[in-house]
């Protein structure tokens, strides 16, 4: 047999092998194949059931939490409310500046506390194109200012501070750096030409400093705000603010990331319906503060105030 014929013959044999393989592929499936198909079908049904189950849940909402008394109270309250409605709420504990940046970038869905028109105006200016700052207000007539213990009878105005700088060691005890009130207080130091330094720390640390000073009847001055549970714990007074640097009164709004209303339309509506007065926020903060865990206090308050909550979510 010539070389050419050998090549033709080998090619023919290879073709037969290929055709045989194709024939086996078209043959009836074996019992093992049938079982495999049934298993695949079962898996598909399970996946579909899981998908439907996910669709029936509300979804996950990432909420910023700031380590402030009223913020801890309302974030835990909304966690209880939303999880009762089938949502999964995840907290991210951050300072105010980081919270706003995260909402702007879409890493957080909601921030429940924006003070306007003064305290957090800088964040509105910076992120007005990236964040939905709600027009709706959940707390009216909030107040911000410098406070001193009421036993400091000769200190009644911010203008009295420079004459008593030695009493305070030239220090204003502050809280979280980046908070709008801290930035306004820095502006206030310049506007009143105060010979003071604003010392940042955290809200719990500031409250501890206030408590220790009052227990020893020592001088202390700090930026504070209402609503806040500290006013039920200590006898404090706001200093007069002739230049109105802190503003007359503040309103508390919430903020959401872009497209939140499209992704969570009912939650968006509930947040817009949300309203609290002095009694409601005060009782909530007390319940959260006195509980072993904040979430336990929020659960108790929600259970006792279901009629109010129904006004928001129905």
C-alpha atoms as a PDB file:
ATOM      1  CA  UNK A   1       0.000   0.000   0.000  1.00  0.00           C
ATOM      2  CA  UNK A   2       1.369   3.340  -1.004  1.00  0.00           C
ATOM      3  CA  UNK A   3       1.891   6.114   1.533  1.00  0.00           C
ATOM      4  CA  UNK A   4      -0.937   8.135   0.037  1.00  0.00           C
ATOM      5  CA  UNK A   5      -3.404   5.256   0.393  1.00  0.00           C
ATOM      6  CA  UNK A   6      -2.290   4.664   3.972  1.00  0.00           C
ATOM      7  CA  UNK A   7      -3.091   8.291   4.839  1.00  0.00           C
ATOM      8  CA  UNK A   8      -6.545   8.022   3.227  1.00  0.00           C
ATOM      9  CA  UNK A   9      -7.260   4.812   5.156  1.00  0.00           C
ATOM     10  CA  UNK A  10      -6.193   6.321   8.505  1.00  0.00           C
ATOM     11  CA  UNK A  11      -8.326   9.362   7.843  1.00  0.00           C
ATOM     12  CA  UNK A  12     -11.319   7.120   7.120  1.00  0.00           C
ATOM     13  CA  UNK A  13     -10.824   5.208  10.401  1.00  0.00           C
ATOM     14  CA  UNK A  14     -10.671   8.466  12.342  1.00  0.00           C
ATOM     15  CA  UNK A  15     -13.901   9.598  10.700  1.00  0.00           C
ATOM     16  CA  UNK A  16     -15.631   6.375  11.768  1.00  0.00           C
ATOM     17  CA  UNK A  17     -14.529   6.929  15.343  1.00  0.00           C
ATOM     18  CA  UNK A  18     -15.935  10.446  15.324  1.00  0.00           C
ATOM     19  CA  UNK A  19     -19.249   9.284  13.864  1.00  0.00           C
ATOM     20  CA  UNK A  20     -19.520   6.550  16.475  1.00  0.00           C
ATOM     21  CA  UNK A  21     -18.980   9.060  19.235  1.00  0.00           C
ATOM     22  CA  UNK A  22     -21.690  11.290  17.801  1.00  0.00           C
ATOM     23  CA  UNK A  23     -24.040   8.303  17.615  1.00  0.00           C
ATOM     24  CA  UNK A  24     -23.530   7.606  21.312  1.00  0.00           C
ATOM     25  CA  UNK A  25     -24.366  11.213  22.129  1.00  0.00           C
ATOM     26  CA  UNK A  26     -27.715  10.863  20.354  1.00  0.00           C
ATOM     27  CA  UNK A  27     -28.566   7.593  22.061  1.00  0.00           C
ATOM     28  CA  UNK A  28     -31.296   7.404  24.712  1.00  0.00           C
ATOM     29  CA  UNK A  29     -30.087   8.620  28.090  1.00  0.00           C
ATOM     30  CA  UNK A  30     -29.174   6.057  30.680  1.00  0.00           C
ATOM     31  CA  UNK A  31     -30.846   5.788  34.079  1.00  0.00           C
ATOM     32  CA  UNK A  32     -27.869   7.631  35.567  1.00  0.00           C
ATOM     33  CA  UNK A  33     -28.389  10.480  33.106  1.00  0.00           C
ATOM     34  CA  UNK A  34     -32.104  10.587  33.931  1.00  0.00           C
ATOM     35  CA  UNK A  35     -31.280  10.836  37.623  1.00  0.00           C
ATOM     36  CA  UNK A  36     -28.836  13.630  36.861  1.00  0.00           C
ATOM     37  CA  UNK A  37     -31.489  15.505  34.922  1.00  0.00           C
ATOM     38  CA  UNK A  38     -33.986  15.048  37.747  1.00  0.00           C
ATOM     39  CA  UNK A  39     -31.429  16.343  40.243  1.00  0.00           C
ATOM     40  CA  UNK A  40     -30.714  19.345  38.025  1.00  0.00           C
ATOM     41  CA  UNK A  41     -34.453  20.038  37.759  1.00  0.00           C
ATOM     42  CA  UNK A  42     -34.803  19.781  41.537  1.00  0.00           C
ATOM     43  CA  UNK A  43     -31.907  22.211  41.962  1.00  0.00           C
ATOM     44  CA  UNK A  44     -33.534  24.626  39.523  1.00  0.00           C
ATOM     45  CA  UNK A  45     -36.798  24.446  41.472  1.00  0.00           C
ATOM     46  CA  UNK A  46     -34.934  25.030  44.746  1.00  0.00           C
ATOM     47  CA  UNK A  47     -33.137  28.019  43.246  1.00  0.00           C
ATOM     48  CA  UNK A  48     -36.457  29.404  42.016  1.00  0.00           C
ATOM     49  CA  UNK A  49     -37.997  28.917  45.465  1.00  0.00           C
ATOM     50  CA  UNK A  50     -35.033  30.673  47.054  1.00  0.00           C
ATOM     51  CA  UNK A  51     -35.348  33.517  44.572  1.00  0.00           C
ATOM     52  CA  UNK A  52     -39.049  33.859  45.296  1.00  0.00           C
ATOM     53  CA  UNK A  53     -38.319  33.789  49.026  1.00  0.00           C
ATOM     54  CA  UNK A  54     -35.763  36.577  48.573  1.00  0.00           C
ATOM     55  CA  UNK A  55     -38.269  38.571  46.534  1.00  0.00           C
ATOM     56  CA  UNK A  56     -40.820  38.214  49.337  1.00  0.00           C
ATOM     57  CA  UNK A  57     -38.390  39.681  51.875  1.00  0.00           C
ATOM     58  CA  UNK A  58     -37.953  43.431  52.123  1.00  0.00           C
ATOM     59  CA  UNK A  59     -34.228  43.382  51.382  1.00  0.00           C
ATOM     60  CA  UNK A  60     -31.252  44.756  53.260  1.00  0.00           C
ATOM     61  CA  UNK A  61     -30.978  48.405  54.258  1.00  0.00           C
ATOM     62  CA  UNK A  62     -27.616  49.781  55.358  1.00  0.00           C
ATOM     63  CA  UNK A  63     -28.089  52.527  57.904  1.00  0.00           C
ATOM     64  CA  UNK A  64     -25.490  54.898  59.313  1.00  0.00           C
ATOM     65  CA  UNK A  65     -25.347  55.154  63.086  1.00  0.00           C
ATOM     66  CA  UNK A  66     -23.555  57.973  64.888  1.00  0.00           C
ATOM     67  CA  UNK A  67     -22.591  57.564  68.526  1.00  0.00           C
ATOM     68  CA  UNK A  68     -24.992  60.267  69.749  1.00  0.00           C
ATOM     69  CA  UNK A  69     -27.772  59.544  72.254  1.00  0.00           C
ATOM     70  CA  UNK A  70     -30.684  60.502  69.995  1.00  0.00           C
ATOM     71  CA  UNK A  71     -29.111  58.861  66.945  1.00  0.00           C
ATOM     72  CA  UNK A  72     -28.600  55.549  68.744  1.00  0.00           C
ATOM     73  CA  UNK A  73     -32.224  55.773  69.875  1.00  0.00           C
ATOM     74  CA  UNK A  74     -33.815  56.439  66.471  1.00  0.00           C
ATOM     75  CA  UNK A  75     -31.594  54.043  64.504  1.00  0.00           C
ATOM     76  CA  UNK A  76     -32.490  51.198  66.857  1.00  0.00           C
ATOM     77  CA  UNK A  77     -36.145  52.223  66.706  1.00  0.00           C
ATOM     78  CA  UNK A  78     -36.142  52.056  62.906  1.00  0.00           C
ATOM     79  CA  UNK A  79     -34.264  48.759  62.952  1.00  0.00           C
ATOM     80  CA  UNK A  80     -37.070  47.261  65.048  1.00  0.00           C
ATOM     81  CA  UNK A  81     -39.798  48.786  62.867  1.00  0.00           C
ATOM     82  CA  UNK A  82     -38.239  47.739  59.558  1.00  0.00           C
ATOM     83  CA  UNK A  83     -37.314  44.226  60.641  1.00  0.00           C
ATOM     84  CA  UNK A  84     -40.890  43.746  61.869  1.00  0.00           C
ATOM     85  CA  UNK A  85     -41.879  44.547  58.268  1.00  0.00           C
ATOM     86  CA  UNK A  86     -39.507  41.973  56.764  1.00  0.00           C
ATOM     87  CA  UNK A  87     -36.422  44.095  56.080  1.00  0.00           C
ATOM     88  CA  UNK A  88     -32.879  43.368  57.235  1.00  0.00           C
ATOM     89  CA  UNK A  89     -31.187  46.434  58.746  1.00  0.00           C
ATOM     90  CA  UNK A  90     -27.411  46.643  59.038  1.00  0.00           C
ATOM     91  CA  UNK A  91     -25.747  49.366  61.122  1.00  0.00           C
ATOM     92  CA  UNK A  92     -22.493  51.053  60.169  1.00  0.00           C
ATOM     93  CA  UNK A  93     -21.181  53.063  63.131  1.00  0.00           C
ATOM     94  CA  UNK A  94     -19.384  56.103  61.720  1.00  0.00           C
ATOM     95  CA  UNK A  95     -18.857  59.780  62.461  1.00  0.00           C
ATOM     96  CA  UNK A  96     -21.017  62.367  60.702  1.00  0.00           C
ATOM     97  CA  UNK A  97     -18.536  63.269  57.970  1.00  0.00           C
ATOM     98  CA  UNK A  98     -17.855  59.641  57.040  1.00  0.00           C
ATOM     99  CA  UNK A  99     -21.576  58.873  57.138  1.00  0.00           C
ATOM    100  CA  UNK A 100     -22.368  61.609  54.640  1.00  0.00           C
ATOM    101  CA  UNK A 101     -19.552  60.519  52.327  1.00  0.00           C
ATOM    102  CA  UNK A 102     -20.768  56.910  52.476  1.00  0.00           C
ATOM    103  CA  UNK A 103     -24.351  57.904  51.605  1.00  0.00           C
ATOM    104  CA  UNK A 104     -23.048  60.016  48.724  1.00  0.00           C
ATOM    105  CA  UNK A 105     -21.049  57.066  47.380  1.00  0.00           C
ATOM    106  CA  UNK A 106     -23.935  54.611  47.803  1.00  0.00           C
ATOM    107  CA  UNK A 107     -22.230  52.551  50.500  1.00  0.00           C
ATOM    108  CA  UNK A 108     -24.983  53.515  52.942  1.00  0.00           C
ATOM    109  CA  UNK A 109     -28.686  53.758  52.203  1.00  0.00           C
ATOM    110  CA  UNK A 110     -29.870  56.053  54.985  1.00  0.00           C
ATOM    111  CA  UNK A 111     -28.706  58.636  57.499  1.00  0.00           C
ATOM    112  CA  UNK A 112     -31.470  59.509  59.946  1.00  0.00           C
ATOM    113  CA  UNK A 113     -30.115  62.766  61.326  1.00  0.00           C
ATOM    114  CA  UNK A 114     -29.363  65.959  59.411  1.00  0.00           C
ATOM    115  CA  UNK A 115     -29.715  69.249  61.318  1.00  0.00           C
ATOM    116  CA  UNK A 116     -30.753  72.270  59.272  1.00  0.00           C
ATOM    117  CA  UNK A 117     -30.602  75.119  58.457  1.00  0.00           C
ATOM    118  CA  UNK A 118     -27.286  75.743  60.293  1.00  0.00           C
ATOM    119  CA  UNK A 119     -25.499  72.757  61.810  1.00  0.00           C
ATOM    120  CA  UNK A 120     -25.198  70.448  58.777  1.00  0.00           C
ATOM    121  CA  UNK A 121     -25.543  73.037  56.026  1.00  0.00           C
ATOM    122  CA  UNK A 122     -21.977  72.324  54.900  1.00  0.00           C
ATOM    123  CA  UNK A 123     -22.914  68.722  54.022  1.00  0.00           C
ATOM    124  CA  UNK A 124     -25.919  69.860  51.997  1.00  0.00           C
ATOM    125  CA  UNK A 125     -23.689  72.241  50.099  1.00  0.00           C
ATOM    126  CA  UNK A 126     -21.051  69.569  49.495  1.00  0.00           C
ATOM    127  CA  UNK A 127     -23.345  66.667  48.566  1.00  0.00           C
ATOM    128  CA  UNK A 128     -26.540  68.240  47.242  1.00  0.00           C
ATOM    129  CA  UNK A 129     -26.058  66.475  43.881  1.00  0.00           C
ATOM    130  CA  UNK A 130     -25.193  63.069  45.384  1.00  0.00           C
ATOM    131  CA  UNK A 131     -27.573  62.768  48.359  1.00  0.00           C
ATOM    132  CA  UNK A 132     -31.332  63.097  48.701  1.00  0.00           C
ATOM    133  CA  UNK A 133     -31.768  65.466  51.650  1.00  0.00           C
ATOM    134  CA  UNK A 134     -35.408  65.114  52.624  1.00  0.00           C
ATOM    135  CA  UNK A 135     -37.576  68.223  52.823  1.00  0.00           C
ATOM    136  CA  UNK A 136     -39.645  66.457  55.478  1.00  0.00           C
ATOM    137  CA  UNK A 137     -38.797  67.134  59.131  1.00  0.00           C
ATOM    138  CA  UNK A 138     -39.082  64.462  61.836  1.00  0.00           C
ATOM    139  CA  UNK A 139     -38.300  66.752  64.776  1.00  0.00           C
ATOM    140  CA  UNK A 140     -39.154  70.439  65.061  1.00  0.00           C
ATOM    141  CA  UNK A 141     -37.585  73.113  67.274  1.00  0.00           C
ATOM    142  CA  UNK A 142     -34.273  71.452  68.005  1.00  0.00           C
ATOM    143  CA  UNK A 143     -31.786  73.695  69.779  1.00  0.00           C
ATOM    144  CA  UNK A 144     -27.989  73.936  69.729  1.00  0.00           C
ATOM    145  CA  UNK A 145     -25.672  76.043  71.833  1.00  0.00           C
ATOM    146  CA  UNK A 146     -22.949  76.229  74.453  1.00  0.00           C
ATOM    147  CA  UNK A 147     -24.053  75.065  77.889  1.00  0.00           C
ATOM    148  CA  UNK A 148     -22.687  75.452  81.399  1.00  0.00           C
ATOM    149  CA  UNK A 149     -23.955  74.070  84.723  1.00  0.00           C
ATOM    150  CA  UNK A 150     -26.749  76.212  86.173  1.00  0.00           C
ATOM    151  CA  UNK A 151     -24.741  76.839  89.346  1.00  0.00           C
ATOM    152  CA  UNK A 152     -22.421  79.094  87.282  1.00  0.00           C
ATOM    153  CA  UNK A 153     -24.660  82.094  87.954  1.00  0.00           C
ATOM    154  CA  UNK A 154     -22.276  84.717  86.544  1.00  0.00           C
ATOM    155  CA  UNK A 155     -21.886  82.992  83.165  1.00  0.00           C
ATOM    156  CA  UNK A 156     -25.046  83.562  81.113  1.00  0.00           C
ATOM    157  CA  UNK A 157     -23.808  84.612  77.687  1.00  0.00           C
ATOM    158  CA  UNK A 158     -21.095  83.553  75.270  1.00  0.00           C
ATOM    159  CA  UNK A 159     -19.791  87.095  75.703  1.00  0.00           C
ATOM    160  CA  UNK A 160     -19.069  86.285  79.377  1.00  0.00           C
ATOM    161  CA  UNK A 161     -16.580  83.551  78.506  1.00  0.00           C
ATOM    162  CA  UNK A 162     -13.469  85.636  77.803  1.00  0.00           C
ATOM    163  CA  UNK A 163     -13.788  87.412  81.151  1.00  0.00           C
ATOM    164  CA  UNK A 164     -13.744  83.997  82.817  1.00  0.00           C
ATOM    165  CA  UNK A 165     -11.251  82.179  80.626  1.00  0.00           C
ATOM    166  CA  UNK A 166      -9.136  81.065  83.587  1.00  0.00           C
ATOM    167  CA  UNK A 167     -12.066  79.262  85.185  1.00  0.00           C
ATOM    168  CA  UNK A 168     -12.394  77.067  82.122  1.00  0.00           C
ATOM    169  CA  UNK A 169      -8.637  76.787  81.433  1.00  0.00           C
ATOM    170  CA  UNK A 170      -9.426  78.250  78.015  1.00  0.00           C
ATOM    171  CA  UNK A 171     -11.095  74.985  76.943  1.00  0.00           C
ATOM    172  CA  UNK A 172     -14.461  74.116  75.426  1.00  0.00           C
ATOM    173  CA  UNK A 173     -15.135  70.412  75.904  1.00  0.00           C
ATOM    174  CA  UNK A 174     -16.298  69.051  72.549  1.00  0.00           C
ATOM    175  CA  UNK A 175     -17.351  65.774  70.979  1.00  0.00           C
ATOM    176  CA  UNK A 176     -16.968  64.123  67.543  1.00  0.00           C
ATOM    177  CA  UNK A 177     -14.686  65.954  65.088  1.00  0.00           C
ATOM    178  CA  UNK A 178     -16.502  66.469  61.797  1.00  0.00           C
ATOM    179  CA  UNK A 179     -19.899  66.951  63.447  1.00  0.00           C
ATOM    180  CA  UNK A 180     -21.694  70.006  62.089  1.00  0.00           C
ATOM    181  CA  UNK A 181     -22.078  71.499  65.576  1.00  0.00           C
ATOM    182  CA  UNK A 182     -18.332  71.184  66.151  1.00  0.00           C
ATOM    183  CA  UNK A 183     -17.636  73.082  62.934  1.00  0.00           C
ATOM    184  CA  UNK A 184     -20.146  75.784  63.858  1.00  0.00           C
ATOM    185  CA  UNK A 185     -18.517  76.043  67.284  1.00  0.00           C
ATOM    186  CA  UNK A 186     -15.140  76.639  65.611  1.00  0.00           C
ATOM    187  CA  UNK A 187     -16.805  79.455  63.645  1.00  0.00           C
ATOM    188  CA  UNK A 188     -18.295  80.788  66.880  1.00  0.00           C
ATOM    189  CA  UNK A 189     -14.851  80.961  68.533  1.00  0.00           C
ATOM    190  CA  UNK A 190     -13.698  83.200  65.677  1.00  0.00           C
ATOM    191  CA  UNK A 191     -16.861  85.335  65.577  1.00  0.00           C
ATOM    192  CA  UNK A 192     -16.724  86.069  69.310  1.00  0.00           C
ATOM    193  CA  UNK A 193     -12.919  86.230  69.305  1.00  0.00           C
ATOM    194  CA  UNK A 194     -12.830  83.735  72.171  1.00  0.00           C
ATOM    195  CA  UNK A 195      -9.496  82.880  73.716  1.00  0.00           C
ATOM    196  CA  UNK A 196     -10.546  79.225  73.873  1.00  0.00           C
ATOM    197  CA  UNK A 197      -9.620  75.929  72.257  1.00  0.00           C
ATOM    198  CA  UNK A 198     -12.310  73.447  71.231  1.00  0.00           C
ATOM    199  CA  UNK A 199     -11.230  69.965  72.354  1.00  0.00           C
ATOM    200  CA  UNK A 200     -12.670  67.132  70.221  1.00  0.00           C
ATOM    201  CA  UNK A 201     -13.401  63.729  71.736  1.00  0.00           C
ATOM    202  CA  UNK A 202     -16.646  61.739  71.500  1.00  0.00           C
ATOM    203  CA  UNK A 203     -20.134  62.300  72.826  1.00  0.00           C
ATOM    204  CA  UNK A 204     -19.772  59.691  75.631  1.00  0.00           C
ATOM    205  CA  UNK A 205     -16.435  61.209  76.654  1.00  0.00           C
ATOM    206  CA  UNK A 206     -17.915  64.727  76.644  1.00  0.00           C
ATOM    207  CA  UNK A 207     -20.886  63.611  78.745  1.00  0.00           C
ATOM    208  CA  UNK A 208     -18.547  61.935  81.213  1.00  0.00           C
ATOM    209  CA  UNK A 209     -16.546  65.162  81.521  1.00  0.00           C
ATOM    210  CA  UNK A 210     -19.761  67.095  82.153  1.00  0.00           C
ATOM    211  CA  UNK A 211     -20.892  64.593  84.796  1.00  0.00           C
ATOM    212  CA  UNK A 212     -17.565  64.664  86.621  1.00  0.00           C
ATOM    213  CA  UNK A 213     -17.438  68.450  86.585  1.00  0.00           C
ATOM    214  CA  UNK A 214     -20.977  68.742  87.959  1.00  0.00           C
ATOM    215  CA  UNK A 215     -20.334  66.134  90.656  1.00  0.00           C
ATOM    216  CA  UNK A 216     -17.421  68.272  91.841  1.00  0.00           C
ATOM    217  CA  UNK A 217     -19.179  71.590  91.086  1.00  0.00           C
ATOM    218  CA  UNK A 218     -16.370  72.568  88.725  1.00  0.00           C
ATOM    219  CA  UNK A 219     -16.672  74.914  85.712  1.00  0.00           C
ATOM    220  CA  UNK A 220     -17.236  73.350  82.298  1.00  0.00           C
ATOM    221  CA  UNK A 221     -18.559  74.632  78.975  1.00  0.00           C
ATOM    222  CA  UNK A 222     -19.576  72.380  76.091  1.00  0.00           C
ATOM    223  CA  UNK A 223     -21.631  72.438  72.873  1.00  0.00           C
ATOM    224  CA  UNK A 224     -24.898  70.548  73.344  1.00  0.00           C
ATOM    225  CA  UNK A 225     -28.257  70.169  71.714  1.00  0.00           C
ATOM    226  CA  UNK A 226     -31.885  69.405  72.468  1.00  0.00           C
ATOM    227  CA  UNK A 227     -33.365  66.817  72.341  1.00  0.00           C
ATOM    228  CA  UNK A 228     -30.838  65.112  74.606  1.00  0.00           C
ATOM    229  CA  UNK A 229     -31.249  62.959  77.696  1.00  0.00           C
ATOM    230  CA  UNK A 230     -28.424  64.828  79.486  1.00  0.00           C
ATOM    231  CA  UNK A 231     -30.866  67.649  80.326  1.00  0.00           C
ATOM    232  CA  UNK A 232     -32.938  65.221  82.377  1.00  0.00           C
ATOM    233  CA  UNK A 233     -29.812  64.066  84.204  1.00  0.00           C
ATOM    234  CA  UNK A 234     -28.167  67.434  84.986  1.00  0.00           C
ATOM    235  CA  UNK A 235     -29.222  71.013  85.552  1.00  0.00           C
ATOM    236  CA  UNK A 236     -27.668  72.804  82.573  1.00  0.00           C
ATOM    237  CA  UNK A 237     -28.361  76.119  80.870  1.00  0.00           C
ATOM    238  CA  UNK A 238     -27.739  77.408  77.370  1.00  0.00           C
ATOM    239  CA  UNK A 239     -25.594  80.527  77.093  1.00  0.00           C
ATOM    240  CA  UNK A 240     -27.137  83.428  75.235  1.00  0.00           C
ATOM    241  CA  UNK A 241     -25.858  83.752  71.674  1.00  0.00           C
ATOM    242  CA  UNK A 242     -26.200  87.459  70.711  1.00  0.00           C
ATOM    243  CA  UNK A 243     -24.598  86.938  67.307  1.00  0.00           C
ATOM    244  CA  UNK A 244     -27.002  84.022  66.668  1.00  0.00           C
ATOM    245  CA  UNK A 245     -24.153  81.848  65.392  1.00  0.00           C
ATOM    246  CA  UNK A 246     -25.973  78.636  66.265  1.00  0.00           C
ATOM    247  CA  UNK A 247     -29.251  79.913  64.837  1.00  0.00           C
ATOM    248  CA  UNK A 248     -32.640  80.272  66.506  1.00  0.00           C
ATOM    249  CA  UNK A 249     -33.795  76.684  66.150  1.00  0.00           C
ATOM    250  CA  UNK A 250     -32.946  73.638  64.072  1.00  0.00           C
ATOM    251  CA  UNK A 251     -35.057  71.022  62.352  1.00  0.00           C
ATOM    252  CA  UNK A 252     -33.953  67.399  62.024  1.00  0.00           C
ATOM    253  CA  UNK A 253     -34.276  65.756  58.607  1.00  0.00           C
ATOM    254  CA  UNK A 254     -33.117  62.438  57.166  1.00  0.00           C
ATOM    255  CA  UNK A 255     -31.080  61.708  54.033  1.00  0.00           C
ATOM    256  CA  UNK A 256     -30.922  58.806  51.576  1.00  0.00           C
ATOM    257  CA  UNK A 257     -28.663  57.711  48.745  1.00  0.00           C
ATOM    258  CA  UNK A 258     -29.557  58.263  45.122  1.00  0.00           C
ATOM    259  CA  UNK A 259     -32.245  55.821  43.834  1.00  0.00           C
ATOM    260  CA  UNK A 260     -33.240  54.774  47.361  1.00  0.00           C
ATOM    261  CA  UNK A 261     -36.848  55.804  46.670  1.00  0.00           C
ATOM    262  CA  UNK A 262     -36.915  53.555  43.588  1.00  0.00           C
ATOM    263  CA  UNK A 263     -35.350  50.587  45.399  1.00  0.00           C
ATOM    264  CA  UNK A 264     -37.346  50.937  48.646  1.00  0.00           C
ATOM    265  CA  UNK A 265     -40.452  52.990  47.794  1.00  0.00           C
ATOM    266  CA  UNK A 266     -42.483  52.048  50.869  1.00  0.00           C
ATOM    267  CA  UNK A 267     -39.605  52.687  53.294  1.00  0.00           C
ATOM    268  CA  UNK A 268     -38.955  56.018  51.605  1.00  0.00           C
ATOM    269  CA  UNK A 269     -42.590  56.951  52.216  1.00  0.00           C
ATOM    270  CA  UNK A 270     -42.477  55.763  55.844  1.00  0.00           C
ATOM    271  CA  UNK A 271     -39.441  57.920  56.577  1.00  0.00           C
ATOM    272  CA  UNK A 272     -41.197  60.934  55.095  1.00  0.00           C
ATOM    273  CA  UNK A 273     -44.213  60.279  57.355  1.00  0.00           C
ATOM    274  CA  UNK A 274     -42.028  60.037  60.472  1.00  0.00           C
ATOM    275  CA  UNK A 275     -42.726  62.712  63.140  1.00  0.00           C
ATOM    276  CA  UNK A 276     -41.723  62.833  66.825  1.00  0.00           C
ATOM    277  CA  UNK A 277     -42.403  65.391  69.555  1.00  0.00           C
ATOM    278  CA  UNK A 278     -40.499  66.088  72.775  1.00  0.00           C
ATOM    279  CA  UNK A 279     -42.324  63.417  74.772  1.00  0.00           C
ATOM    280  CA  UNK A 280     -41.855  60.701  72.138  1.00  0.00           C
ATOM    281  CA  UNK A 281     -38.142  61.250  71.535  1.00  0.00           C
ATOM    282  CA  UNK A 282     -37.509  61.781  75.248  1.00  0.00           C
ATOM    283  CA  UNK A 283     -39.216  58.529  76.241  1.00  0.00           C
ATOM    284  CA  UNK A 284     -37.435  56.649  73.459  1.00  0.00           C
ATOM    285  CA  UNK A 285     -34.007  57.903  74.553  1.00  0.00           C
ATOM    286  CA  UNK A 286     -34.703  56.995  78.169  1.00  0.00           C
ATOM    287  CA  UNK A 287     -35.896  53.494  77.192  1.00  0.00           C
ATOM    288  CA  UNK A 288     -32.821  52.886  75.027  1.00  0.00           C
ATOM    289  CA  UNK A 289     -30.430  54.274  77.647  1.00  0.00           C
ATOM    290  CA  UNK A 290     -31.884  52.236  80.502  1.00  0.00           C
ATOM    291  CA  UNK A 291     -32.026  48.926  78.630  1.00  0.00           C
ATOM    292  CA  UNK A 292     -29.284  46.321  78.824  1.00  0.00           C
ATOM    293  CA  UNK A 293     -28.872  46.687  75.052  1.00  0.00           C
ATOM    294  CA  UNK A 294     -30.168  49.636  72.950  1.00  0.00           C
ATOM    295  CA  UNK A 295     -32.191  47.311  70.734  1.00  0.00           C
ATOM    296  CA  UNK A 296     -34.060  45.973  73.777  1.00  0.00           C
ATOM    297  CA  UNK A 297     -35.079  49.474  74.810  1.00  0.00           C
ATOM    298  CA  UNK A 298     -36.186  50.247  71.256  1.00  0.00           C
ATOM    299  CA  UNK A 299     -38.253  47.053  71.112  1.00  0.00           C
ATOM    300  CA  UNK A 300     -40.021  47.983  74.350  1.00  0.00           C
ATOM    301  CA  UNK A 301     -40.736  51.522  73.138  1.00  0.00           C
ATOM    302  CA  UNK A 302     -42.019  50.314  69.754  1.00  0.00           C
ATOM    303  CA  UNK A 303     -44.338  47.831  71.436  1.00  0.00           C
ATOM    304  CA  UNK A 304     -45.761  50.580  73.671  1.00  0.00           C
ATOM    305  CA  UNK A 305     -46.139  53.137  70.844  1.00  0.00           C
ATOM    306  CA  UNK A 306     -47.580  51.074  68.018  1.00  0.00           C
ATOM    307  CA  UNK A 307     -50.387  53.578  67.373  1.00  0.00           C
ATOM    308  CA  UNK A 308     -47.830  56.302  66.596  1.00  0.00           C
ATOM    309  CA  UNK A 309     -45.804  53.966  64.386  1.00  0.00           C
ATOM    310  CA  UNK A 310     -48.942  52.960  62.500  1.00  0.00           C
ATOM    311  CA  UNK A 311     -49.352  56.625  61.538  1.00  0.00           C
ATOM    312  CA  UNK A 312     -45.949  56.444  59.812  1.00  0.00           C
ATOM    313  CA  UNK A 313     -46.177  53.097  58.044  1.00  0.00           C
ATOM    314  CA  UNK A 314     -49.900  52.744  57.200  1.00  0.00           C
END
